[in-house]
Amino acid sequence: MSDGWAYRHRLSVRFRDCDAMGHVNHAVYFTYLEQCRLTFWRELTGWPSPHTRVILARAECDYRAPAHFGDELEVRLNVAEIGRSSFVLVYEIAAVATERVIANGKTVMVSYDYDARKAVPLSADARALLEGVRAG
């Protein structure tokens, strides 16, 4: 995409996502990032789950504004960096109705061999797919 985002995922804030203050609980934002990441990876690779080849090594989220029950949100994702065995995804969560930025996130994903129990270089196929969707 020419707007700086390689992928977009929409979702509605569920009642169960909200805390006693009436806004989305801080921990739920990581689930929103995960939903976006998993659908992105499935659409990109055709693999049913990234968990067979890639693990989450780091996740962070900066909260900008509250979201509430019933809000429709768009989680935007881009590939920020591609390393030897890892890649960095960056996210923006925005309210669809107002375009207000709700949160920004970042995850570090690592290519992992479960049998060897260690990080391994990204496959040439995975690297090419990531480079192919990386938005500028």
C-alpha atoms as a PDB file:
ATOM      1  CA  MET A   1       0.000   0.000   0.000  1.00  0.00           C
ATOM      2  CA  SER A   2       1.224   3.447  -0.773  1.00  0.00           C
ATOM      3  CA  ASP A   3       0.099   4.893   2.580  1.00  0.00           C
ATOM      4  CA  GLY A   4       2.843   3.147   4.567  1.00  0.00           C
ATOM      5  CA  TRP A   5       0.820   0.122   5.680  1.00  0.00           C
ATOM      6  CA  ALA A   6       1.276  -3.318   4.185  1.00  0.00           C
ATOM      7  CA  TYR A   7      -1.823  -4.824   5.790  1.00  0.00           C
ATOM      8  CA  ARG A   8      -5.036  -3.758   7.551  1.00  0.00           C
ATOM      9  CA  HIS A   9      -7.313  -5.742   9.870  1.00  0.00           C
ATOM     10  CA  ARG A  10     -10.652  -4.475  11.217  1.00  0.00           C
ATOM     11  CA  LEU A  11     -12.322  -5.548  14.433  1.00  0.00           C
ATOM     12  CA  SER A  12     -15.070  -4.421  16.796  1.00  0.00           C
ATOM     13  CA  VAL A  13     -14.428  -3.847  20.485  1.00  0.00           C
ATOM     14  CA  ARG A  14     -16.288  -6.507  22.439  1.00  0.00           C
ATOM     15  CA  PHE A  15     -17.841  -5.925  25.870  1.00  0.00           C
ATOM     16  CA  ARG A  16     -15.419  -8.456  27.356  1.00  0.00           C
ATOM     17  CA  ASP A  17     -12.473  -6.350  26.101  1.00  0.00           C
ATOM     18  CA  CYS A  18     -13.398  -3.504  28.435  1.00  0.00           C
ATOM     19  CA  ASP A  19     -12.385  -2.971  32.052  1.00  0.00           C
ATOM     20  CA  ALA A  20     -14.245  -1.417  34.987  1.00  0.00           C
ATOM     21  CA  MET A  21     -13.428   2.059  33.656  1.00  0.00           C
ATOM     22  CA  GLY A  22     -15.387   1.305  30.470  1.00  0.00           C
ATOM     23  CA  HIS A  23     -12.481   1.340  28.058  1.00  0.00           C
ATOM     24  CA  VAL A  24     -10.419  -1.398  26.443  1.00  0.00           C
ATOM     25  CA  ASN A  25      -8.077  -2.979  28.978  1.00  0.00           C
ATOM     26  CA  HIS A  26      -4.415  -2.389  28.215  1.00  0.00           C
ATOM     27  CA  ALA A  27      -3.620  -6.113  27.846  1.00  0.00           C
ATOM     28  CA  VAL A  28      -6.297  -6.562  25.172  1.00  0.00           C
ATOM     29  CA  TYR A  29      -4.363  -4.376  22.746  1.00  0.00           C
ATOM     30  CA  PHE A  30      -1.777  -7.157  22.490  1.00  0.00           C
ATOM     31  CA  THR A  31      -4.585  -9.493  21.400  1.00  0.00           C
ATOM     32  CA  TYR A  32      -5.579  -6.970  18.723  1.00  0.00           C
ATOM     33  CA  LEU A  33      -1.974  -6.885  17.471  1.00  0.00           C
ATOM     34  CA  GLU A  34      -1.920 -10.682  17.503  1.00  0.00           C
ATOM     35  CA  GLN A  35      -5.156 -10.942  15.496  1.00  0.00           C
ATOM     36  CA  CYS A  36      -3.733  -8.618  12.866  1.00  0.00           C
ATOM     37  CA  ARG A  37      -0.382 -10.419  12.789  1.00  0.00           C
ATOM     38  CA  LEU A  38      -1.952 -13.879  12.461  1.00  0.00           C
ATOM     39  CA  THR A  39      -4.331 -12.919   9.657  1.00  0.00           C
ATOM     40  CA  PHE A  40      -1.505 -11.068   7.888  1.00  0.00           C
ATOM     41  CA  TRP A  41       0.807 -14.073   8.144  1.00  0.00           C
ATOM     42  CA  ARG A  42      -1.888 -16.529   7.006  1.00  0.00           C
ATOM     43  CA  GLU A  43      -2.777 -14.370   3.983  1.00  0.00           C
ATOM     44  CA  LEU A  44       0.873 -13.726   3.153  1.00  0.00           C
ATOM     45  CA  THR A  45       2.122 -17.300   3.372  1.00  0.00           C
ATOM     46  CA  GLY A  46      -0.936 -19.529   3.110  1.00  0.00           C
ATOM     47  CA  TRP A  47       0.279 -21.328   6.243  1.00  0.00           C
ATOM     48  CA  PRO A  48      -2.500 -21.933   8.771  1.00  0.00           C
ATOM     49  CA  SER A  49      -0.347 -20.674  11.636  1.00  0.00           C
ATOM     50  CA  PRO A  50       2.976 -18.877  11.979  1.00  0.00           C
ATOM     51  CA  HIS A  51       3.652 -20.785  15.179  1.00  0.00           C
ATOM     52  CA  THR A  52       5.237 -23.635  13.256  1.00  0.00           C
ATOM     53  CA  ARG A  53       8.042 -21.404  11.967  1.00  0.00           C
ATOM     54  CA  VAL A  54       8.084 -18.058  13.782  1.00  0.00           C
ATOM     55  CA  ILE A  55       7.933 -17.049  17.456  1.00  0.00           C
ATOM     56  CA  LEU A  56       7.242 -13.771  19.192  1.00  0.00           C
ATOM     57  CA  ALA A  57      10.388 -12.462  20.897  1.00  0.00           C
ATOM     58  CA  ARG A  58       9.238  -8.982  21.964  1.00  0.00           C
ATOM     59  CA  ALA A  59       6.024  -6.975  22.053  1.00  0.00           C
ATOM     60  CA  GLU A  60       5.418  -3.371  23.009  1.00  0.00           C
ATOM     61  CA  CYS A  61       2.486  -0.980  22.907  1.00  0.00           C
ATOM     62  CA  ASP A  62       2.139   2.768  23.370  1.00  0.00           C
ATOM     63  CA  TYR A  63      -1.367   3.843  24.361  1.00  0.00           C
ATOM     64  CA  ARG A  64      -2.603   7.100  22.801  1.00  0.00           C
ATOM     65  CA  ALA A  65      -6.373   7.277  23.454  1.00  0.00           C
ATOM     66  CA  PRO A  66      -9.073   5.028  24.914  1.00  0.00           C
ATOM     67  CA  ALA A  67     -11.280   2.732  22.857  1.00  0.00           C
ATOM     68  CA  HIS A  68     -14.736   1.686  24.067  1.00  0.00           C
ATOM     69  CA  PHE A  69     -17.276  -1.081  23.630  1.00  0.00           C
ATOM     70  CA  GLY A  70     -18.705  -1.051  20.109  1.00  0.00           C
ATOM     71  CA  ASP A  71     -15.904   0.979  18.543  1.00  0.00           C
ATOM     72  CA  GLU A  72     -14.724  -0.326  15.201  1.00  0.00           C
ATOM     73  CA  LEU A  73     -10.942  -0.340  15.054  1.00  0.00           C
ATOM     74  CA  GLU A  74      -8.481  -0.827  12.251  1.00  0.00           C
ATOM     75  CA  VAL A  75      -5.141  -2.403  13.061  1.00  0.00           C
ATOM     76  CA  ARG A  76      -2.537  -1.417  10.482  1.00  0.00           C
ATOM     77  CA  LEU A  77       0.697  -3.344  10.059  1.00  0.00           C
ATOM     78  CA  ASN A  78       3.963  -2.873   8.247  1.00  0.00           C
ATOM     79  CA  VAL A  79       7.236  -4.763   8.046  1.00  0.00           C
ATOM     80  CA  ALA A  80       9.772  -2.328   9.504  1.00  0.00           C
ATOM     81  CA  GLU A  81      12.996  -4.334   9.510  1.00  0.00           C
ATOM     82  CA  ILE A  82      14.160  -7.680   8.193  1.00  0.00           C
ATOM     83  CA  GLY A  83      17.221  -9.229   9.797  1.00  0.00           C
ATOM     84  CA  ARG A  84      19.059 -12.517   9.429  1.00  0.00           C
ATOM     85  CA  SER A  85      16.680 -14.540  11.609  1.00  0.00           C
ATOM     86  CA  SER A  86      14.145 -11.943  12.707  1.00  0.00           C
ATOM     87  CA  PHE A  87      11.833  -9.261  11.458  1.00  0.00           C
ATOM     88  CA  VAL A  88      10.094  -6.324  13.093  1.00  0.00           C
ATOM     89  CA  LEU A  89       6.437  -5.501  12.591  1.00  0.00           C
ATOM     90  CA  VAL A  90       5.016  -2.092  13.495  1.00  0.00           C
ATOM     91  CA  TYR A  91       1.345  -1.376  14.073  1.00  0.00           C
ATOM     92  CA  GLU A  92      -1.113   1.458  14.408  1.00  0.00           C
ATOM     93  CA  ILE A  93      -4.563   0.957  15.895  1.00  0.00           C
ATOM     94  CA  ALA A  94      -7.043   3.635  14.849  1.00  0.00           C
ATOM     95  CA  ALA A  95     -10.736   4.266  15.367  1.00  0.00           C
ATOM     96  CA  VAL A  96     -12.442   3.803  11.999  1.00  0.00           C
ATOM     97  CA  ALA A  97     -15.053   6.518  12.559  1.00  0.00           C
ATOM     98  CA  THR A  98     -12.641   9.289  13.551  1.00  0.00           C
ATOM     99  CA  GLU A  99      -9.187   8.085  12.377  1.00  0.00           C
ATOM    100  CA  ARG A 100      -8.027   8.868  15.926  1.00  0.00           C
ATOM    101  CA  VAL A 101      -4.900   6.844  16.737  1.00  0.00           C
ATOM    102  CA  ILE A 102      -5.645   4.616  19.713  1.00  0.00           C
ATOM    103  CA  ALA A 103      -2.277   2.866  20.055  1.00  0.00           C
ATOM    104  CA  ASN A 104       1.007   2.082  18.338  1.00  0.00           C
ATOM    105  CA  GLY A 105       2.744  -1.255  18.667  1.00  0.00           C
ATOM    106  CA  LYS A 106       5.827  -3.173  17.689  1.00  0.00           C
ATOM    107  CA  THR A 107       6.713  -6.868  17.694  1.00  0.00           C
ATOM    108  CA  VAL A 108       9.927  -8.706  16.987  1.00  0.00           C
ATOM    109  CA  MET A 109       9.389 -12.065  15.324  1.00  0.00           C
ATOM    110  CA  VAL A 110      12.087 -14.741  15.156  1.00  0.00           C
ATOM    111  CA  SER A 111      12.411 -17.658  12.761  1.00  0.00           C
ATOM    112  CA  TYR A 112      12.649 -20.659  15.069  1.00  0.00           C
ATOM    113  CA  ASP A 113      13.452 -24.350  14.803  1.00  0.00           C
ATOM    114  CA  TYR A 114      11.463 -26.141  17.524  1.00  0.00           C
ATOM    115  CA  ASP A 115      13.398 -29.392  17.109  1.00  0.00           C
ATOM    116  CA  ALA A 116      16.782 -27.678  17.505  1.00  0.00           C
ATOM    117  CA  ARG A 117      15.316 -25.183  20.017  1.00  0.00           C
ATOM    118  CA  LYS A 118      17.065 -22.210  18.491  1.00  0.00           C
ATOM    119  CA  ALA A 119      16.680 -19.282  16.141  1.00  0.00           C
ATOM    120  CA  VAL A 120      17.467 -20.033  12.526  1.00  0.00           C
ATOM    121  CA  PRO A 121      17.926 -17.803   9.485  1.00  0.00           C
ATOM    122  CA  LEU A 122      14.749 -16.709   7.735  1.00  0.00           C
ATOM    123  CA  SER A 123      14.066 -18.895   4.732  1.00  0.00           C
ATOM    124  CA  ALA A 124      14.612 -17.290   1.339  1.00  0.00           C
ATOM    125  CA  ASP A 125      10.875 -17.689   0.682  1.00  0.00           C
ATOM    126  CA  ALA A 126       9.857 -15.962   3.929  1.00  0.00           C
ATOM    127  CA  ARG A 127      12.348 -13.147   3.337  1.00  0.00           C
ATOM    128  CA  ALA A 128      11.059 -12.616  -0.226  1.00  0.00           C
ATOM    129  CA  LEU A 129       7.439 -12.540   0.974  1.00  0.00           C
ATOM    130  CA  LEU A 130       8.226 -10.006   3.704  1.00  0.00           C
ATOM    131  CA  GLU A 131      10.236  -7.814   1.359  1.00  0.00           C
ATOM    132  CA  GLY A 132       7.469  -8.011  -1.218  1.00  0.00           C
ATOM    133  CA  VAL A 133       4.803  -6.562   1.077  1.00  0.00           C
ATOM    134  CA  ARG A 134       6.941  -4.065   2.942  1.00  0.00           C
ATOM    135  CA  ALA A 135       5.360  -0.654   2.451  1.00  0.00           C
ATOM    136  CA  GLY A 136       7.547   2.407   2.050  1.00  0.00           C
END
